[in-house]
């Protein structure tokens, strides 16, 4: 059983739907449980959910930023059809990419989820905060690959942009 599924299955009364967004399911869990944001039970569930997100990423991709196969799987997931042949080239390529990591997890295993490619770190930040799809910035179980991918959501660099997208364009690209 995958980490996110295991997390949701702990709540026997909750109907987990594989293929649905993890963040939407957590919101539904909170609503169905009737938890307030400041409830201890809500806080414990939130922390456990965040751990499940990290574990899901690690299980889907890898914990090791030097794992070329993991980079290739990740890049193919975001529609890079011919990934570079070295880890260093993969890292260079991903540095100009701005995608939401929870969307990336939701798109795992062929689930029908759009992964939006943002033109800048600022646009990714706005989307991430608006949707509340915020990946844990510091987590003890996060591997080096995940840590490498994390962006500055709360304090984005307004000059950090995807060099392959048109300068000044506000359009985002979606891929499946």
N, C-alpha and C. Protein backbone atom coordinates (compact mmCIF):
# COMPACT_ATOMS: atom_id res chain seq x y z
N UNK A 1 0.85 -1.18 0.00
CA UNK A 1 0.00 0.00 0.00
C UNK A 1 0.90 1.24 0.00
N UNK A 2 0.57 2.19 -0.85
CA UNK A 2 1.34 3.43 -0.96
C UNK A 2 1.11 4.33 0.26
N UNK A 3 2.06 5.21 0.58
CA UNK A 3 1.95 6.04 1.79
C UNK A 3 0.69 6.90 1.89
N UNK A 4 0.27 7.54 0.81
CA UNK A 4 -0.94 8.36 0.90
C UNK A 4 -2.17 7.50 1.14
N UNK A 5 -2.25 6.38 0.45
CA UNK A 5 -3.37 5.48 0.66
C UNK A 5 -3.38 4.98 2.10
N UNK A 6 -2.22 4.61 2.63
CA UNK A 6 -2.13 4.14 4.02
C UNK A 6 -2.58 5.23 4.99
N UNK A 7 -2.20 6.46 4.74
CA UNK A 7 -2.64 7.56 5.60
C UNK A 7 -4.16 7.65 5.62
N UNK A 8 -4.78 7.72 4.45
CA UNK A 8 -6.24 7.90 4.40
C UNK A 8 -6.98 6.68 4.92
N UNK A 9 -6.43 5.50 4.74
CA UNK A 9 -7.10 4.27 5.20
C UNK A 9 -7.10 4.16 6.73
N UNK A 10 -6.25 4.93 7.41
CA UNK A 10 -6.28 4.93 8.88
C UNK A 10 -7.63 5.41 9.40
N UNK A 11 -8.31 6.20 8.62
CA UNK A 11 -9.63 6.71 8.99
C UNK A 11 -10.67 5.80 8.33
N UNK A 12 -11.00 4.74 9.01
CA UNK A 12 -11.83 3.67 8.44
C UNK A 12 -13.17 4.17 7.92
N UNK A 13 -13.69 5.21 8.49
CA UNK A 13 -14.97 5.76 8.09
C UNK A 13 -14.86 6.63 6.83
N UNK A 14 -13.64 6.96 6.43
CA UNK A 14 -13.41 7.85 5.29
C UNK A 14 -13.28 7.03 4.01
N UNK A 15 -13.92 7.47 2.94
CA UNK A 15 -13.82 6.79 1.66
C UNK A 15 -12.69 7.39 0.84
N UNK A 16 -11.58 6.67 0.77
CA UNK A 16 -10.43 7.09 -0.02
C UNK A 16 -10.71 6.75 -1.48
N UNK A 17 -10.44 7.71 -2.37
CA UNK A 17 -10.68 7.51 -3.80
C UNK A 17 -9.34 7.61 -4.53
N UNK A 18 -8.75 6.46 -4.90
CA UNK A 18 -7.48 6.52 -5.65
C UNK A 18 -7.68 7.33 -6.93
N UNK A 19 -6.69 8.14 -7.25
CA UNK A 19 -6.77 8.96 -8.45
C UNK A 19 -7.28 10.36 -8.20
N UNK A 20 -7.86 10.60 -7.03
CA UNK A 20 -8.28 11.95 -6.69
C UNK A 20 -7.12 12.70 -6.05
N UNK A 21 -7.14 14.00 -6.15
CA UNK A 21 -6.11 14.84 -5.57
C UNK A 21 -5.97 14.59 -4.07
N UNK A 22 -4.73 14.42 -3.64
CA UNK A 22 -4.47 14.20 -2.21
C UNK A 22 -4.92 15.40 -1.39
N UNK A 23 -4.66 16.60 -1.88
CA UNK A 23 -5.04 17.79 -1.11
C UNK A 23 -6.57 17.91 -1.01
N UNK A 24 -7.27 17.61 -2.10
CA UNK A 24 -8.74 17.65 -2.05
C UNK A 24 -9.27 16.58 -1.10
N UNK A 25 -8.64 15.43 -1.08
CA UNK A 25 -9.09 14.38 -0.17
C UNK A 25 -8.81 14.74 1.29
N UNK A 26 -7.68 15.41 1.55
CA UNK A 26 -7.43 15.83 2.93
C UNK A 26 -8.46 16.86 3.37
N UNK A 27 -8.80 17.79 2.48
CA UNK A 27 -9.84 18.78 2.82
C UNK A 27 -11.16 18.08 3.09
N UNK A 28 -11.50 17.10 2.27
CA UNK A 28 -12.74 16.35 2.49
C UNK A 28 -12.70 15.58 3.81
N UNK A 29 -11.54 14.98 4.12
CA UNK A 29 -11.37 14.28 5.40
C UNK A 29 -11.62 15.24 6.56
N UNK A 30 -11.01 16.41 6.50
CA UNK A 30 -11.17 17.41 7.56
C UNK A 30 -12.63 17.83 7.68
N UNK A 31 -13.28 18.06 6.54
CA UNK A 31 -14.69 18.47 6.56
C UNK A 31 -15.58 17.38 7.13
N UNK A 32 -15.37 16.14 6.68
CA UNK A 32 -16.20 15.03 7.16
C UNK A 32 -15.96 14.75 8.64
N UNK A 33 -14.74 14.98 9.11
CA UNK A 33 -14.44 14.76 10.53
C UNK A 33 -14.95 15.92 11.38
N UNK A 34 -15.19 17.07 10.76
CA UNK A 34 -15.66 18.23 11.50
C UNK A 34 -14.58 18.89 12.33
N UNK A 35 -13.33 18.72 11.92
CA UNK A 35 -12.22 19.31 12.67
C UNK A 35 -12.11 20.81 12.36
N UNK A 36 -11.84 21.56 13.40
CA UNK A 36 -11.47 22.96 13.22
C UNK A 36 -9.97 23.03 13.01
N UNK A 37 -9.51 24.10 12.39
CA UNK A 37 -8.07 24.24 12.10
C UNK A 37 -7.21 24.18 13.36
N UNK A 38 -7.75 24.59 14.50
CA UNK A 38 -6.95 24.61 15.72
C UNK A 38 -7.18 23.41 16.64
N UNK A 39 -7.90 22.39 16.13
CA UNK A 39 -8.10 21.15 16.91
C UNK A 39 -6.81 20.35 16.95
N UNK A 40 -6.55 19.70 18.10
CA UNK A 40 -5.37 18.84 18.22
C UNK A 40 -5.44 17.69 17.22
N UNK A 41 -6.63 17.12 17.05
CA UNK A 41 -6.77 16.00 16.12
C UNK A 41 -6.49 16.43 14.68
N UNK A 42 -6.95 17.62 14.32
CA UNK A 42 -6.66 18.17 13.00
C UNK A 42 -5.15 18.36 12.83
N UNK A 43 -4.49 18.88 13.84
CA UNK A 43 -3.05 19.11 13.76
C UNK A 43 -2.29 17.80 13.60
N UNK A 44 -2.68 16.78 14.36
CA UNK A 44 -2.02 15.47 14.22
C UNK A 44 -2.24 14.89 12.83
N UNK A 45 -3.48 15.00 12.33
CA UNK A 45 -3.78 14.49 10.98
C UNK A 45 -2.98 15.26 9.93
N UNK A 46 -2.89 16.58 10.08
CA UNK A 46 -2.15 17.41 9.13
C UNK A 46 -0.68 17.01 9.08
N UNK A 47 -0.08 16.83 10.25
CA UNK A 47 1.33 16.43 10.30
C UNK A 47 1.53 15.04 9.68
N UNK A 48 0.61 14.14 9.96
CA UNK A 48 0.69 12.79 9.40
C UNK A 48 0.50 12.81 7.88
N UNK A 49 -0.40 13.66 7.41
CA UNK A 49 -0.62 13.82 5.97
C UNK A 49 0.64 14.35 5.29
N UNK A 50 1.28 15.33 5.88
CA UNK A 50 2.50 15.89 5.32
C UNK A 50 3.61 14.83 5.25
N UNK A 51 3.69 13.99 6.28
CA UNK A 51 4.66 12.89 6.25
C UNK A 51 4.32 11.93 5.12
N UNK A 52 3.04 11.64 4.93
CA UNK A 52 2.63 10.75 3.84
C UNK A 52 2.99 11.35 2.48
N UNK A 53 2.87 12.67 2.33
CA UNK A 53 3.26 13.32 1.07
C UNK A 53 4.74 13.09 0.78
N UNK A 54 5.57 13.30 1.79
CA UNK A 54 7.01 13.12 1.62
C UNK A 54 7.32 11.66 1.29
N UNK A 55 6.71 10.76 2.02
CA UNK A 55 6.95 9.33 1.77
C UNK A 55 6.47 8.93 0.39
N UNK A 56 5.35 9.50 -0.05
CA UNK A 56 4.83 9.19 -1.38
C UNK A 56 5.80 9.67 -2.45
N UNK A 57 6.32 10.87 -2.28
CA UNK A 57 7.31 11.37 -3.23
C UNK A 57 8.52 10.43 -3.27
N UNK A 58 9.04 10.09 -2.10
CA UNK A 58 10.21 9.21 -2.01
C UNK A 58 9.95 7.86 -2.67
N UNK A 59 8.76 7.31 -2.46
CA UNK A 59 8.42 5.99 -3.03
C UNK A 59 8.21 6.08 -4.54
N UNK A 60 7.66 7.19 -5.01
CA UNK A 60 7.37 7.34 -6.43
C UNK A 60 8.62 7.63 -7.24
N UNK A 61 9.49 8.46 -6.70
CA UNK A 61 10.67 8.90 -7.45
C UNK A 61 11.94 8.32 -6.83
N UNK A 62 12.41 8.89 -5.75
CA UNK A 62 13.63 8.40 -5.10
C UNK A 62 13.95 9.36 -3.96
N UNK A 63 14.86 8.95 -3.11
CA UNK A 63 15.36 9.86 -2.08
C UNK A 63 16.69 10.47 -2.51
N UNK A 64 17.28 9.94 -3.56
CA UNK A 64 18.66 10.27 -3.93
C UNK A 64 18.73 11.18 -5.15
N UNK A 65 19.25 12.38 -4.97
CA UNK A 65 19.37 13.32 -6.10
C UNK A 65 20.41 12.89 -7.11
N UNK A 66 21.19 11.88 -6.82
CA UNK A 66 22.20 11.38 -7.78
C UNK A 66 21.71 10.16 -8.56
N UNK A 67 20.42 9.85 -8.45
CA UNK A 67 19.81 8.70 -9.12
C UNK A 67 19.30 9.13 -10.50
N UNK A 68 20.04 8.80 -11.55
CA UNK A 68 19.68 9.22 -12.91
C UNK A 68 18.33 8.65 -13.34
N UNK A 69 18.04 7.41 -12.98
CA UNK A 69 16.74 6.82 -13.34
C UNK A 69 15.59 7.60 -12.70
N UNK A 70 15.78 8.06 -11.48
CA UNK A 70 14.75 8.86 -10.80
C UNK A 70 14.53 10.18 -11.52
N UNK A 71 15.63 10.82 -11.93
CA UNK A 71 15.51 12.07 -12.67
C UNK A 71 14.75 11.84 -13.98
N UNK A 72 15.08 10.75 -14.67
CA UNK A 72 14.40 10.47 -15.94
C UNK A 72 12.91 10.23 -15.72
N UNK A 73 12.55 9.49 -14.69
CA UNK A 73 11.12 9.24 -14.40
C UNK A 73 10.41 10.56 -14.08
N UNK A 74 11.03 11.37 -13.28
CA UNK A 74 10.44 12.64 -12.90
C UNK A 74 10.29 13.55 -14.12
N UNK A 75 11.31 13.66 -14.91
CA UNK A 75 11.25 14.53 -16.10
C UNK A 75 10.22 14.04 -17.11
N UNK A 76 10.12 12.73 -17.28
CA UNK A 76 9.09 12.20 -18.18
C UNK A 76 7.70 12.54 -17.64
N UNK A 77 7.55 12.53 -16.33
CA UNK A 77 6.26 12.87 -15.71
C UNK A 77 5.86 14.31 -16.00
N UNK A 78 6.84 15.17 -16.23
CA UNK A 78 6.51 16.56 -16.53
C UNK A 78 6.68 16.85 -18.02
N UNK A 79 6.60 15.80 -18.82
CA UNK A 79 6.59 15.89 -20.29
C UNK A 79 7.90 16.31 -20.92
N UNK A 80 9.02 15.95 -20.31
CA UNK A 80 10.32 16.10 -20.95
C UNK A 80 10.60 14.76 -21.60
N UNK A 81 10.43 14.69 -22.90
CA UNK A 81 10.48 13.41 -23.61
C UNK A 81 11.88 12.85 -23.81
N UNK A 82 12.87 13.69 -23.93
CA UNK A 82 14.24 13.23 -24.10
C UNK A 82 15.09 13.78 -22.96
N UNK A 83 15.02 13.14 -21.79
CA UNK A 83 15.77 13.68 -20.65
C UNK A 83 17.28 13.62 -20.90
N UNK A 84 18.01 14.56 -20.31
CA UNK A 84 19.46 14.58 -20.46
C UNK A 84 20.12 13.29 -19.97
N UNK A 85 21.33 13.07 -20.39
CA UNK A 85 22.02 11.80 -20.10
C UNK A 85 22.82 11.82 -18.80
N UNK A 86 22.90 12.96 -18.13
CA UNK A 86 23.62 13.01 -16.85
C UNK A 86 22.76 13.68 -15.79
N UNK A 87 23.05 13.37 -14.54
CA UNK A 87 22.35 13.99 -13.42
C UNK A 87 22.56 15.50 -13.45
N UNK A 88 23.78 15.93 -13.72
CA UNK A 88 24.08 17.36 -13.74
C UNK A 88 23.23 18.10 -14.78
N UNK A 89 23.05 17.50 -15.96
CA UNK A 89 22.22 18.12 -16.99
C UNK A 89 20.75 18.12 -16.58
N UNK A 90 20.31 17.06 -15.90
CA UNK A 90 18.93 17.00 -15.40
C UNK A 90 18.69 18.11 -14.38
N UNK A 91 19.65 18.31 -13.50
CA UNK A 91 19.53 19.36 -12.49
C UNK A 91 19.47 20.74 -13.14
N UNK A 92 20.30 20.94 -14.13
CA UNK A 92 20.32 22.22 -14.83
C UNK A 92 18.97 22.47 -15.50
N UNK A 93 18.41 21.44 -16.12
CA UNK A 93 17.12 21.55 -16.78
C UNK A 93 16.01 21.87 -15.77
N UNK A 94 15.98 21.16 -14.66
CA UNK A 94 14.89 21.32 -13.68
C UNK A 94 14.97 22.66 -12.96
N UNK A 95 16.15 23.26 -12.91
CA UNK A 95 16.28 24.56 -12.24
C UNK A 95 15.41 25.63 -12.87
N UNK A 96 15.10 25.48 -14.15
CA UNK A 96 14.24 26.45 -14.83
C UNK A 96 12.78 26.02 -14.88
N UNK A 97 12.42 24.96 -14.18
CA UNK A 97 11.05 24.47 -14.18
C UNK A 97 10.37 24.85 -12.87
N UNK A 98 9.11 25.23 -12.97
CA UNK A 98 8.33 25.63 -11.80
C UNK A 98 7.01 24.88 -11.83
N UNK A 99 6.95 23.80 -11.05
CA UNK A 99 5.76 22.95 -10.99
C UNK A 99 5.41 22.73 -9.52
N UNK A 100 4.16 22.49 -9.26
CA UNK A 100 3.72 22.22 -7.90
C UNK A 100 3.97 20.75 -7.58
N UNK A 101 4.67 20.47 -6.49
CA UNK A 101 5.04 19.10 -6.17
C UNK A 101 3.86 18.24 -5.74
N UNK A 102 2.84 18.84 -5.16
CA UNK A 102 1.65 18.05 -4.82
C UNK A 102 0.91 17.65 -6.09
N UNK A 103 0.86 18.54 -7.08
CA UNK A 103 0.30 18.15 -8.38
C UNK A 103 1.12 17.02 -8.99
N UNK A 104 2.43 17.10 -8.84
CA UNK A 104 3.31 16.04 -9.36
C UNK A 104 3.00 14.71 -8.70
N UNK A 105 2.79 14.72 -7.40
CA UNK A 105 2.43 13.49 -6.69
C UNK A 105 1.05 13.01 -7.14
N UNK A 106 0.11 13.94 -7.28
CA UNK A 106 -1.23 13.56 -7.72
C UNK A 106 -1.23 12.94 -9.11
N UNK A 107 -0.26 13.29 -9.93
CA UNK A 107 -0.19 12.78 -11.31
C UNK A 107 0.54 11.44 -11.39
N UNK A 108 0.95 10.90 -10.28
CA UNK A 108 1.71 9.64 -10.27
C UNK A 108 0.86 8.50 -10.82
N UNK A 109 1.51 7.51 -11.28
CA UNK A 109 0.87 6.27 -11.71
C UNK A 109 -0.25 6.48 -12.72
N UNK A 110 -0.09 7.49 -13.57
CA UNK A 110 -1.04 7.68 -14.65
C UNK A 110 -2.36 8.32 -14.24
N UNK A 111 -2.46 8.84 -13.01
CA UNK A 111 -3.69 9.54 -12.64
C UNK A 111 -3.86 10.74 -13.56
N UNK A 112 -5.07 11.06 -13.86
CA UNK A 112 -5.39 12.09 -14.84
C UNK A 112 -5.38 13.47 -14.17
N UNK A 113 -4.19 14.00 -13.91
CA UNK A 113 -4.03 15.29 -13.26
C UNK A 113 -3.12 16.16 -14.12
N UNK A 114 -3.55 17.39 -14.33
CA UNK A 114 -2.70 18.34 -15.06
C UNK A 114 -1.54 18.78 -14.19
N UNK A 115 -0.37 18.82 -14.78
CA UNK A 115 0.78 19.41 -14.12
C UNK A 115 1.03 20.73 -14.85
N UNK A 116 0.86 21.82 -14.14
CA UNK A 116 1.01 23.13 -14.74
C UNK A 116 2.48 23.54 -14.66
N UNK A 117 3.00 23.99 -15.78
CA UNK A 117 4.35 24.54 -15.84
C UNK A 117 4.22 26.05 -15.76
N UNK A 118 4.73 26.62 -14.68
CA UNK A 118 4.64 28.06 -14.49
C UNK A 118 5.86 28.74 -15.09
N UNK A 119 5.68 29.97 -15.53
CA UNK A 119 6.76 30.72 -16.16
C UNK A 119 7.77 31.26 -15.14
N UNK A 120 7.36 31.32 -13.88
CA UNK A 120 8.27 31.89 -12.88
C UNK A 120 7.99 31.29 -11.50
N UNK A 121 8.95 31.47 -10.62
CA UNK A 121 8.78 31.05 -9.24
C UNK A 121 7.65 31.84 -8.57
N UNK A 122 7.50 33.11 -8.95
CA UNK A 122 6.44 33.96 -8.41
C UNK A 122 5.06 33.40 -8.77
N UNK A 123 4.87 32.98 -10.04
CA UNK A 123 3.58 32.42 -10.45
C UNK A 123 3.31 31.10 -9.73
N UNK A 124 4.33 30.27 -9.60
CA UNK A 124 4.17 29.02 -8.85
C UNK A 124 3.78 29.32 -7.41
N UNK A 125 4.41 30.29 -6.81
CA UNK A 125 4.11 30.67 -5.43
C UNK A 125 2.65 31.09 -5.27
N UNK A 126 2.18 31.93 -6.18
CA UNK A 126 0.79 32.40 -6.12
C UNK A 126 -0.19 31.23 -6.23
N UNK A 127 0.03 30.35 -7.19
CA UNK A 127 -0.82 29.17 -7.36
C UNK A 127 -0.79 28.29 -6.12
N UNK A 128 0.41 28.03 -5.62
CA UNK A 128 0.57 27.13 -4.49
C UNK A 128 -0.13 27.68 -3.25
N UNK A 129 0.02 28.95 -2.99
CA UNK A 129 -0.65 29.54 -1.82
C UNK A 129 -2.15 29.62 -2.03
N UNK A 130 -2.60 29.95 -3.24
CA UNK A 130 -4.04 30.02 -3.52
C UNK A 130 -4.72 28.67 -3.34
N UNK A 131 -4.07 27.61 -3.80
CA UNK A 131 -4.66 26.27 -3.73
C UNK A 131 -4.34 25.55 -2.41
N UNK A 132 -3.43 26.13 -1.63
CA UNK A 132 -2.96 25.53 -0.36
C UNK A 132 -2.28 24.18 -0.59
N UNK A 133 -1.69 24.01 -1.76
CA UNK A 133 -0.95 22.79 -2.08
C UNK A 133 0.53 23.02 -1.76
N UNK A 134 0.79 23.19 -0.48
CA UNK A 134 2.13 23.54 -0.01
C UNK A 134 2.82 22.30 0.52
N UNK A 135 3.93 21.97 -0.11
CA UNK A 135 4.72 20.81 0.30
C UNK A 135 5.54 21.18 1.52
N UNK A 136 5.74 20.25 2.44
CA UNK A 136 6.56 20.57 3.62
C UNK A 136 7.96 21.02 3.23
N UNK A 137 8.35 22.19 3.66
CA UNK A 137 9.68 22.74 3.30
C UNK A 137 10.79 21.96 4.00
N UNK A 138 10.62 21.72 5.26
CA UNK A 138 11.61 20.98 6.05
C UNK A 138 10.93 19.73 6.60
N UNK A 139 11.41 18.60 6.24
CA UNK A 139 10.85 17.36 6.77
C UNK A 139 11.99 16.37 6.94
N UNK A 140 12.03 15.73 8.07
CA UNK A 140 13.16 14.84 8.37
C UNK A 140 13.28 13.66 7.40
N UNK A 141 12.20 13.27 6.76
CA UNK A 141 12.24 12.13 5.84
C UNK A 141 12.47 12.53 4.38
N UNK A 142 12.54 13.83 4.12
CA UNK A 142 12.75 14.28 2.74
C UNK A 142 14.13 13.87 2.26
N UNK A 143 14.19 13.24 1.11
CA UNK A 143 15.46 12.87 0.52
C UNK A 143 16.09 14.03 -0.22
N UNK A 144 17.29 13.82 -0.70
CA UNK A 144 18.00 14.91 -1.37
C UNK A 144 17.35 15.30 -2.70
N UNK A 145 16.70 14.35 -3.38
CA UNK A 145 16.01 14.68 -4.63
C UNK A 145 14.86 15.65 -4.35
N UNK A 146 14.05 15.33 -3.37
CA UNK A 146 12.93 16.21 -3.01
C UNK A 146 13.44 17.58 -2.56
N UNK A 147 14.44 17.60 -1.73
CA UNK A 147 14.98 18.88 -1.25
C UNK A 147 15.50 19.72 -2.42
N UNK A 148 16.06 19.07 -3.43
CA UNK A 148 16.57 19.78 -4.59
C UNK A 148 15.44 20.48 -5.36
N UNK A 149 14.27 19.85 -5.36
CA UNK A 149 13.14 20.37 -6.15
C UNK A 149 12.36 21.48 -5.45
N UNK A 150 12.50 21.62 -4.16
CA UNK A 150 11.71 22.60 -3.42
C UNK A 150 12.05 24.02 -3.86
N UNK A 151 11.02 24.83 -3.98
CA UNK A 151 11.16 26.23 -4.37
C UNK A 151 10.82 27.12 -3.18
N UNK A 152 11.03 28.41 -3.33
CA UNK A 152 10.76 29.37 -2.26
C UNK A 152 9.34 29.90 -2.42
N UNK A 153 8.39 29.15 -1.90
CA UNK A 153 6.98 29.47 -2.08
C UNK A 153 6.57 30.69 -1.26
N UNK A 154 7.05 30.79 -0.05
CA UNK A 154 6.65 31.91 0.80
C UNK A 154 7.43 33.19 0.51
N UNK A 155 8.58 33.06 -0.11
CA UNK A 155 9.40 34.23 -0.43
C UNK A 155 10.06 34.02 -1.79
N UNK A 156 9.26 34.02 -2.87
CA UNK A 156 9.80 33.71 -4.19
C UNK A 156 10.70 34.81 -4.73
N UNK A 157 11.63 34.39 -5.56
CA UNK A 157 12.51 35.32 -6.26
C UNK A 157 11.76 35.79 -7.51
N UNK A 158 11.42 37.07 -7.60
CA UNK A 158 10.65 37.56 -8.75
C UNK A 158 11.43 37.47 -10.07
N UNK A 159 12.73 37.28 -10.00
CA UNK A 159 13.54 37.20 -11.22
C UNK A 159 13.80 35.76 -11.66
N UNK A 160 13.36 34.79 -10.88
CA UNK A 160 13.61 33.38 -11.24
C UNK A 160 12.52 32.92 -12.20
N UNK A 161 12.92 32.67 -13.44
CA UNK A 161 11.97 32.36 -14.52
C UNK A 161 12.42 31.15 -15.31
N UNK A 162 11.48 30.59 -16.04
CA UNK A 162 11.77 29.50 -16.97
C UNK A 162 12.31 30.13 -18.25
N UNK A 163 13.57 29.87 -18.58
CA UNK A 163 14.16 30.52 -19.77
C UNK A 163 13.54 30.07 -21.08
N UNK A 164 12.80 28.98 -21.09
CA UNK A 164 12.20 28.49 -22.34
C UNK A 164 10.86 29.13 -22.63
N UNK A 165 10.28 29.84 -21.65
CA UNK A 165 8.99 30.47 -21.88
C UNK A 165 9.19 31.93 -22.26
N UNK A 166 8.22 32.47 -22.97
CA UNK A 166 8.32 33.86 -23.44
C UNK A 166 8.44 34.81 -22.27
N UNK A 167 9.32 35.75 -22.39
CA UNK A 167 9.53 36.76 -21.35
C UNK A 167 8.26 37.61 -21.23
N UNK A 168 7.80 37.77 -20.00
CA UNK A 168 6.62 38.59 -19.75
C UNK A 168 5.31 37.86 -19.95
N UNK A 169 5.34 36.64 -20.46
CA UNK A 169 4.12 35.88 -20.69
C UNK A 169 3.54 35.42 -19.37
N UNK A 170 2.24 35.54 -19.22
CA UNK A 170 1.58 35.08 -18.02
C UNK A 170 0.93 33.71 -18.23
N UNK A 171 1.08 33.17 -19.43
CA UNK A 171 0.47 31.89 -19.73
C UNK A 171 1.26 30.77 -19.07
N UNK A 172 0.53 29.79 -18.62
CA UNK A 172 1.12 28.58 -18.05
C UNK A 172 0.83 27.43 -19.01
N UNK A 173 1.70 26.45 -19.01
CA UNK A 173 1.49 25.28 -19.85
C UNK A 173 1.01 24.14 -18.98
N UNK A 174 0.08 23.39 -19.51
CA UNK A 174 -0.40 22.20 -18.80
C UNK A 174 0.07 20.98 -19.57
N UNK A 175 0.43 19.95 -18.83
CA UNK A 175 0.77 18.68 -19.49
C UNK A 175 0.15 17.56 -18.69
N UNK A 176 -0.01 16.44 -19.34
CA UNK A 176 -0.57 15.26 -18.67
C UNK A 176 0.42 14.14 -18.79
